Protein backbone atom coordinates (compact mmCIF):
# COMPACT_ATOMS: atom_id res chain seq x y z
CA MET A 1 -62.39 -41.63 -58.49
CA ASN A 2 -63.35 -41.94 -54.84
CA LEU A 3 -62.78 -38.73 -52.85
CA LYS A 4 -60.99 -40.76 -50.18
CA GLU A 5 -58.35 -41.59 -52.79
CA VAL A 6 -57.59 -37.94 -53.57
CA THR A 7 -54.38 -36.87 -51.83
CA ALA A 8 -52.66 -33.57 -51.13
CA LYS A 9 -50.39 -34.28 -54.09
CA ASP A 10 -53.44 -34.32 -56.39
CA ILE A 11 -54.79 -30.91 -55.38
CA MET A 12 -51.98 -28.86 -53.83
CA SER A 13 -50.38 -25.80 -55.36
CA THR A 14 -46.65 -26.30 -55.82
CA ASP A 15 -45.76 -22.79 -56.96
CA ILE A 16 -45.40 -21.55 -53.41
CA SER A 17 -43.62 -18.73 -51.67
CA VAL A 18 -42.15 -19.01 -48.19
CA ILE A 19 -40.63 -16.48 -45.83
CA ARG A 20 -38.09 -16.60 -43.02
CA LYS A 21 -38.91 -15.37 -39.54
CA MET A 22 -36.36 -12.51 -39.51
CA GLU A 23 -37.77 -10.85 -42.64
CA LYS A 24 -39.79 -7.67 -42.25
CA VAL A 25 -43.55 -8.01 -42.13
CA THR A 26 -43.80 -5.43 -44.90
CA ALA A 27 -41.76 -7.74 -47.17
CA ALA A 28 -44.18 -10.57 -46.41
CA GLU A 29 -47.15 -8.33 -47.12
CA ILE A 30 -45.71 -7.21 -50.46
CA MET A 31 -45.07 -10.83 -51.40
CA MET A 32 -48.68 -11.75 -50.54
CA ILE A 33 -50.07 -8.84 -52.54
CA LYS A 34 -47.90 -9.62 -55.59
CA ARG A 35 -48.81 -13.32 -55.49
CA ASN A 36 -52.47 -12.66 -54.58
CA ILE A 37 -52.27 -15.04 -51.62
CA GLY A 38 -53.51 -14.82 -48.06
CA GLY A 39 -50.68 -16.47 -46.18
CA LEU A 40 -47.08 -17.62 -46.25
CA PRO A 41 -45.41 -20.63 -44.68
CA VAL A 42 -42.59 -19.52 -42.39
CA VAL A 43 -39.44 -21.63 -42.66
CA SER A 44 -36.25 -21.96 -40.63
CA ASN A 45 -32.78 -21.39 -42.04
CA ASN A 46 -32.70 -25.07 -43.06
CA ASP A 47 -36.06 -24.66 -44.85
CA GLN A 48 -38.15 -26.60 -42.31
CA LEU A 49 -41.70 -25.40 -41.68
CA ILE A 50 -41.93 -23.55 -38.36
CA GLY A 51 -45.11 -21.52 -38.77
CA ILE A 52 -47.48 -19.55 -40.95
CA LEU A 53 -48.11 -15.83 -41.38
CA THR A 54 -51.48 -14.69 -42.73
CA GLN A 55 -52.93 -11.43 -43.98
CA ARG A 56 -55.22 -11.61 -40.94
CA ASP A 57 -52.19 -11.68 -38.60
CA ILE A 58 -50.84 -8.56 -40.31
CA GLN A 59 -54.19 -6.74 -40.30
CA LEU A 60 -54.77 -7.44 -36.61
CA SER A 61 -51.31 -6.19 -35.66
CA ARG A 62 -51.68 -3.10 -37.83
CA SER A 63 -55.00 -2.21 -36.21
CA ILE A 64 -53.33 -2.32 -32.81
CA ILE A 65 -49.86 -0.87 -33.28
CA GLY A 66 -48.78 -0.88 -36.93
CA THR A 67 -46.31 -3.19 -38.69
CA GLU A 68 -43.38 -1.08 -39.88
CA ALA A 69 -40.95 -2.21 -37.17
CA PHE A 70 -42.13 -5.81 -36.99
CA HIS A 71 -40.38 -8.89 -38.22
CA VAL A 72 -42.27 -12.00 -39.24
CA ASP A 73 -41.00 -13.54 -35.98
CA ASP A 74 -43.19 -11.11 -34.03
CA LEU A 75 -46.45 -12.17 -35.66
CA TYR A 76 -46.41 -15.62 -37.20
CA SER A 77 -48.33 -18.58 -35.76
CA LYS A 78 -45.93 -21.22 -34.53
CA ASN A 79 -46.47 -25.00 -34.72
CA PRO A 80 -48.75 -24.83 -37.76
CA VAL A 81 -51.22 -27.49 -38.72
CA LYS A 82 -49.67 -29.34 -41.66
CA ALA A 83 -50.32 -32.33 -43.89
CA THR A 84 -48.15 -34.74 -45.82
CA ILE A 85 -48.08 -35.19 -49.57
CA ASN A 86 -49.91 -38.55 -49.39
CA GLU A 87 -52.54 -37.44 -46.87
CA ASN A 88 -56.05 -37.94 -48.20
CA LEU A 89 -58.63 -35.23 -48.82
CA PRO A 90 -60.99 -36.16 -45.94
CA SER A 91 -58.07 -35.94 -43.49
CA ILE A 92 -57.01 -32.54 -44.86
CA ILE A 93 -60.57 -31.22 -44.70
CA LYS A 94 -60.92 -32.46 -41.11
CA LYS A 95 -57.68 -30.75 -40.04
CA MET A 96 -58.72 -27.50 -41.68
CA ASN A 97 -62.22 -27.64 -40.21
CA ASP A 98 -61.08 -28.67 -36.70
CA ASN A 99 -58.54 -25.84 -36.61
CA ASN A 100 -60.65 -23.23 -38.41
CA ILE A 101 -57.96 -22.58 -41.02
CA GLU A 102 -58.16 -21.76 -44.73
CA ARG A 103 -54.77 -23.09 -45.81
CA ILE A 104 -52.56 -26.00 -44.85
CA PRO A 105 -48.90 -26.38 -45.79
CA ILE A 106 -47.93 -29.73 -47.30
CA VAL A 107 -44.57 -31.07 -46.14
CA ASN A 108 -42.24 -33.91 -47.04
CA GLY A 109 -40.54 -36.24 -44.54
CA ASN A 110 -38.00 -33.54 -43.62
CA ASP A 111 -40.73 -30.97 -42.88
CA HIS A 112 -39.79 -28.98 -46.00
CA VAL A 113 -42.76 -27.25 -47.60
CA VAL A 114 -43.54 -28.85 -50.96
CA GLY A 115 -47.00 -27.37 -51.50
CA ILE A 116 -50.04 -25.81 -49.96
CA VAL A 117 -53.74 -26.62 -50.03
CA VAL A 118 -56.17 -23.74 -49.70
CA THR A 119 -59.95 -23.76 -49.54
CA LYS A 120 -60.31 -23.05 -53.26
CA ASP A 121 -58.21 -26.16 -54.08
CA ILE A 122 -60.70 -28.29 -52.13
CA ILE A 123 -63.69 -26.63 -53.78
CA LYS A 124 -62.13 -27.24 -57.21
CA ALA A 125 -61.50 -30.91 -56.38
CA LEU A 126 -65.10 -31.33 -55.20
CA GLY A 127 -66.39 -29.56 -58.29
CA ASP A 128 -64.33 -31.81 -60.56
CA PHE A 129 -65.58 -34.88 -58.70
CA PHE A 130 -69.25 -33.95 -58.95
CA GLN A 131 -68.92 -32.91 -62.58
CA LYS A 132 -67.56 -36.37 -63.44
CA SER A 133 -70.20 -38.31 -61.48
């Protein structure tokens, strides 16, 4: 298989957790710890992607003023970089590299999160490719 033919659908994780912007940051942090993940897509009340909250966001805020009173809305990055389910691997890698990000939410036509691609998914896909060639 040509790497240009690999799409988000081929490599994305579909067992994803999301969080709403009015939830407490501590709830998000607990979810990340339990799932062993570094970030959560933030969705609106109609489940559309509106941002992303990362462990780094939480750590930076904690080092400055703590997180107990914060809601996700206070910390998350708005207008996240995203990809579509049929977007190819080179395009996803370019977006991640250009924006210096380690994860990219995958959305459908309604901007609902259907998966996520993280750096390890790309490394696995490259490893599988090179092992087969």
